[in-house]
Protein backbone atom coordinates (compact mmCIF):
# COMPACT_ATOMS: atom_id res chain seq x y z
CA GLU A 1 88.44 133.16 -71.64
CA SER A 2 87.22 129.67 -71.00
CA ARG A 3 83.81 130.79 -70.32
CA LEU A 4 83.66 132.98 -73.71
CA GLN A 5 84.83 130.37 -75.45
CA GLU A 6 82.28 127.84 -74.14
CA GLU A 7 79.23 130.53 -74.47
CA HIS A 8 80.51 131.02 -78.15
CA VAL A 9 80.49 127.32 -78.56
CA ILE A 10 76.91 126.73 -77.40
CA VAL A 11 76.05 129.99 -79.61
CA GLN A 12 77.87 128.80 -82.75
CA SER A 13 76.13 125.13 -82.43
CA LEU A 14 72.93 126.35 -82.10
CA GLN A 15 73.00 128.93 -84.91
CA ARG A 16 74.38 125.96 -87.02
CA VAL A 17 71.07 123.89 -85.93
CA ILE A 18 68.81 126.27 -86.83
CA ASP A 19 70.78 127.08 -90.62
CA LYS A 20 70.41 123.58 -91.43
CA ALA A 21 66.72 122.49 -89.85
CA SER A 22 65.54 126.36 -92.23
CA ALA A 23 67.54 125.33 -95.29
CA ASP A 24 66.26 121.52 -95.12
CA LEU A 25 62.69 122.79 -94.38
CA GLY A 26 62.58 126.32 -96.28
CA LYS A 27 62.25 128.24 -93.98
CA ARG A 28 64.69 131.33 -92.40
CA ALA A 29 65.12 132.01 -89.05
CA ARG A 30 68.09 133.40 -86.86
CA LEU A 31 69.60 132.90 -83.06
CA THR A 32 69.38 135.81 -80.80
CA VAL A 33 70.96 136.11 -77.56
CA LYS A 34 69.35 137.71 -74.92
CA SER A 35 71.84 137.69 -72.09
CA ILE A 36 74.44 134.74 -71.19
CA ASP A 37 75.33 135.19 -68.13
CA PRO A 38 78.80 133.90 -67.32
CA ARG A 39 78.78 132.39 -64.28
CA ALA A 40 76.05 130.08 -65.62
CA ILE A 41 78.23 128.70 -68.53
CA GLU A 42 80.31 128.01 -65.40
CA ARG A 43 78.57 125.89 -62.98
CA ALA A 44 75.97 124.61 -65.55
CA PRO A 45 75.94 121.34 -66.63
CA ARG A 46 77.20 121.93 -69.53
CA ARG A 47 76.69 118.90 -71.83
CA VAL A 48 72.73 118.64 -71.06
CA VAL A 49 72.80 122.62 -71.65
CA LYS A 50 73.59 121.98 -74.79
CA ASP A 51 71.87 119.05 -76.21
CA VAL A 52 68.75 120.49 -74.45
CA LEU A 53 68.85 123.62 -76.28
CA VAL A 54 69.91 121.77 -79.38
CA GLN A 55 66.67 119.67 -79.47
CA LEU A 56 64.50 122.66 -78.19
CA VAL A 57 66.17 124.66 -81.01
CA ARG A 58 65.30 122.03 -83.44
CA ASN A 59 61.67 121.74 -82.50
CA ALA A 60 61.41 125.69 -82.85
CA ILE A 61 62.28 125.68 -86.12
CA TYR A 62 60.48 122.65 -87.31
CA HIS A 63 57.24 123.35 -85.06
CA GLY A 64 57.14 126.85 -84.46
CA ILE A 65 59.02 129.23 -86.91
CA GLU A 66 56.57 129.23 -90.16
CA SER A 67 57.41 129.60 -93.83
CA PRO A 68 58.26 132.99 -94.67
CA GLY A 69 55.31 133.00 -96.98
CA GLU A 70 52.77 132.02 -94.05
CA ARG A 71 54.73 134.93 -91.30
CA CYS A 72 54.49 137.92 -94.31
CA SER A 73 50.40 136.49 -94.43
CA CYS A 74 50.21 137.37 -90.94
CA GLY A 75 52.00 140.39 -91.11
CA LYS A 76 55.16 138.93 -89.47
CA GLY A 77 58.74 139.55 -91.14
CA GLU A 78 60.28 136.48 -93.52
CA GLU A 79 62.73 135.64 -90.99
CA GLY A 80 61.92 134.10 -87.60
CA SER A 81 63.78 134.95 -84.51
CA VAL A 82 64.51 132.00 -81.65
CA SER A 83 66.17 133.67 -78.69
CA LEU A 84 67.87 132.47 -75.98
CA ALA A 85 69.03 133.45 -72.62
CA ILE A 86 70.61 131.58 -69.86
CA GLY A 87 70.86 133.12 -66.37
CA ILE A 88 71.31 132.12 -62.57
CA SER A 89 69.53 132.37 -59.64
CA GLY A 90 71.09 131.52 -56.23
CA ASP A 91 71.72 127.78 -56.91
CA ARG A 92 69.62 127.48 -60.24
CA ILE A 93 70.75 127.44 -63.67
CA GLU A 94 68.11 129.50 -65.74
CA ILE A 95 67.45 129.05 -69.38
CA ALA A 96 64.61 130.54 -71.54
CA LEU A 97 64.31 129.47 -75.48
CA THR A 98 61.58 131.67 -76.95
CA ASP A 99 60.51 131.33 -80.73
CA ASP A 100 58.33 134.35 -82.28
CA GLY A 101 56.67 131.02 -84.60
CA LYS A 102 52.84 130.20 -84.62
CA GLY A 103 52.61 128.90 -81.23
CA LEU A 104 51.44 125.27 -80.18
CA ASP A 105 49.12 123.77 -81.96
CA PHE A 106 46.58 122.72 -79.15
CA ALA A 107 44.23 121.20 -81.73
CA ALA A 108 46.31 118.79 -83.34
CA ILE A 109 48.46 117.85 -80.44
CA GLY A 110 44.81 117.02 -78.98
CA ALA A 111 43.75 115.13 -82.05
CA LYS A 112 46.93 113.02 -81.83
CA ALA A 113 46.72 112.35 -78.47
CA ARG A 114 43.49 110.79 -78.23
CA ASP A 115 44.68 109.02 -81.72
CA LEU A 116 47.69 107.25 -79.60
CA GLY A 117 45.22 106.90 -76.66
CA LEU A 118 47.65 109.41 -74.11
CA ILE A 119 44.18 111.33 -73.43
CA THR A 120 41.03 109.59 -73.55
CA GLU A 121 38.58 111.85 -71.57
CA SER A 122 37.33 114.68 -73.48
CA LYS A 123 37.43 117.25 -70.89
CA ARG A 124 41.09 116.53 -70.56
CA LEU A 125 41.44 117.25 -74.41
CA SER A 126 40.22 120.70 -73.89
CA ASP A 127 42.98 121.26 -70.93
CA ARG A 128 46.00 122.92 -72.36
CA ASN A 129 48.36 121.77 -69.30
CA ALA A 130 47.05 118.28 -69.68
CA LEU A 131 48.27 118.65 -73.80
CA LEU A 132 51.63 120.24 -72.73
CA GLN A 133 52.22 117.10 -70.62
CA VAL A 134 51.65 114.71 -73.60
CA LEU A 135 54.32 116.50 -75.60
CA PHE A 136 56.81 114.99 -73.11
CA SER A 137 55.37 111.67 -73.90
CA PRO A 138 57.94 109.14 -75.88
CA GLY A 139 57.45 108.67 -79.63
CA PHE A 140 55.01 111.57 -79.61
CA SER A 141 54.87 114.06 -82.43
CA THR A 142 52.79 115.93 -84.66
CA ALA A 143 55.06 115.82 -87.50
CA LYS A 144 54.04 114.23 -90.49
CA ASP A 145 56.97 112.46 -91.59
CA ALA A 146 59.83 111.38 -89.48
CA SER A 147 62.68 113.26 -90.20
CA MET A 148 66.28 114.46 -88.87
CA HIS A 149 64.75 117.42 -87.23
CA ALA A 150 61.59 116.55 -85.40
CA GLY A 151 59.54 113.55 -86.08
CA ARG A 152 61.56 110.82 -84.35
CA GLY A 153 59.81 111.42 -81.51
CA VAL A 154 63.06 111.74 -79.32
CA GLY A 155 62.65 115.78 -79.14
CA LEU A 156 61.04 116.77 -76.06
CA SER A 157 60.86 113.47 -74.24
CA TYR A 158 64.56 113.30 -74.49
CA VAL A 159 64.74 117.05 -73.46
CA ARG A 160 62.67 116.25 -69.95
CA ASP A 161 64.44 112.93 -69.37
CA ARG A 162 67.61 114.99 -69.37
CA VAL A 163 66.19 117.45 -67.55
CA ARG A 164 64.85 115.11 -64.64
CA GLU A 165 68.09 112.59 -64.57
CA LEU A 166 69.51 116.38 -62.89
CA LYS A 167 66.65 117.14 -61.11
CA GLY A 168 65.59 119.98 -62.92
CA ALA A 169 62.27 121.25 -64.47
CA ILE A 170 61.07 122.53 -67.79
CA ARG A 171 57.83 124.72 -68.15
CA ILE A 172 56.51 125.64 -71.65
CA GLN A 173 54.50 128.71 -72.49
CA SER A 174 52.54 129.47 -75.49
CA GLU A 175 50.56 131.66 -77.09
CA ASP A 176 48.80 131.09 -80.67
CA GLY A 177 50.11 133.14 -83.04
CA LYS A 178 52.90 134.28 -81.38
CA GLY A 179 55.19 131.99 -80.22
CA THR A 180 56.57 129.37 -77.69
CA THR A 181 58.57 129.46 -74.57
CA PHE A 182 60.25 126.77 -72.99
CA ARG A 183 61.50 127.79 -69.61
CA VAL A 184 64.35 124.97 -67.97
CA THR A 185 65.67 125.10 -64.51
CA LEU A 186 68.49 123.18 -63.38
CA PRO A 187 70.61 122.76 -60.35
CA ALA A 188 74.14 124.81 -60.89
CA GLU A 189 77.14 122.42 -60.12
CA PRO A 190 79.01 123.74 -57.48
CA ALA A 191 81.64 126.50 -58.11
CA THR A 192 85.31 126.17 -58.59
CA ARG A 193 87.50 127.42 -56.29
CA GLU A 194 89.09 129.84 -58.65
CA ALA A 195 85.90 131.31 -59.38
CA GLU A 196 84.89 132.16 -55.61
CA ARG A 197 88.41 133.69 -55.39
CA THR A 198 87.70 136.10 -58.31
CA ALA A 199 83.58 136.52 -57.27
């Protein structure tokens, strides 16, 4: 009962974030739940998972999902999709959040990184792994204006800090025009006695 409740709360919260950000930005998007393993919810540090997912979802709508017009012009449906999977493997919680937006704008990230002096050697400006690391720098954003949703620079550095506090890891995969996936792994909390009895 309570695990379903928790799952429902996470999904509802994320859909609300998507609805609000989409409305504010003139975009359309929906949350698709690929899979949520109830054991992962049971053993996840729930508050951190929710905080991290809220930031990643905001980021996806703000930076990833295109406007309906842009999506149509590149042959996509008007409505963007943000999909979520939460699983458990051994003693690791595995979270994947994928958007079907435009993918990371490495040129814009590189230009901003250069402006901020985060990357100085020109060879590293074409190194996608170096640019992915820059995304997690405090205060870094390619947004033109600071807003409620992104651009205040709390987003990804906040996510990385929360994940690191728990000795977890985060990886990004991005494909031009196809979208971006954030993969977060976190240590699972010990199973409760009750969960062990029913397992």
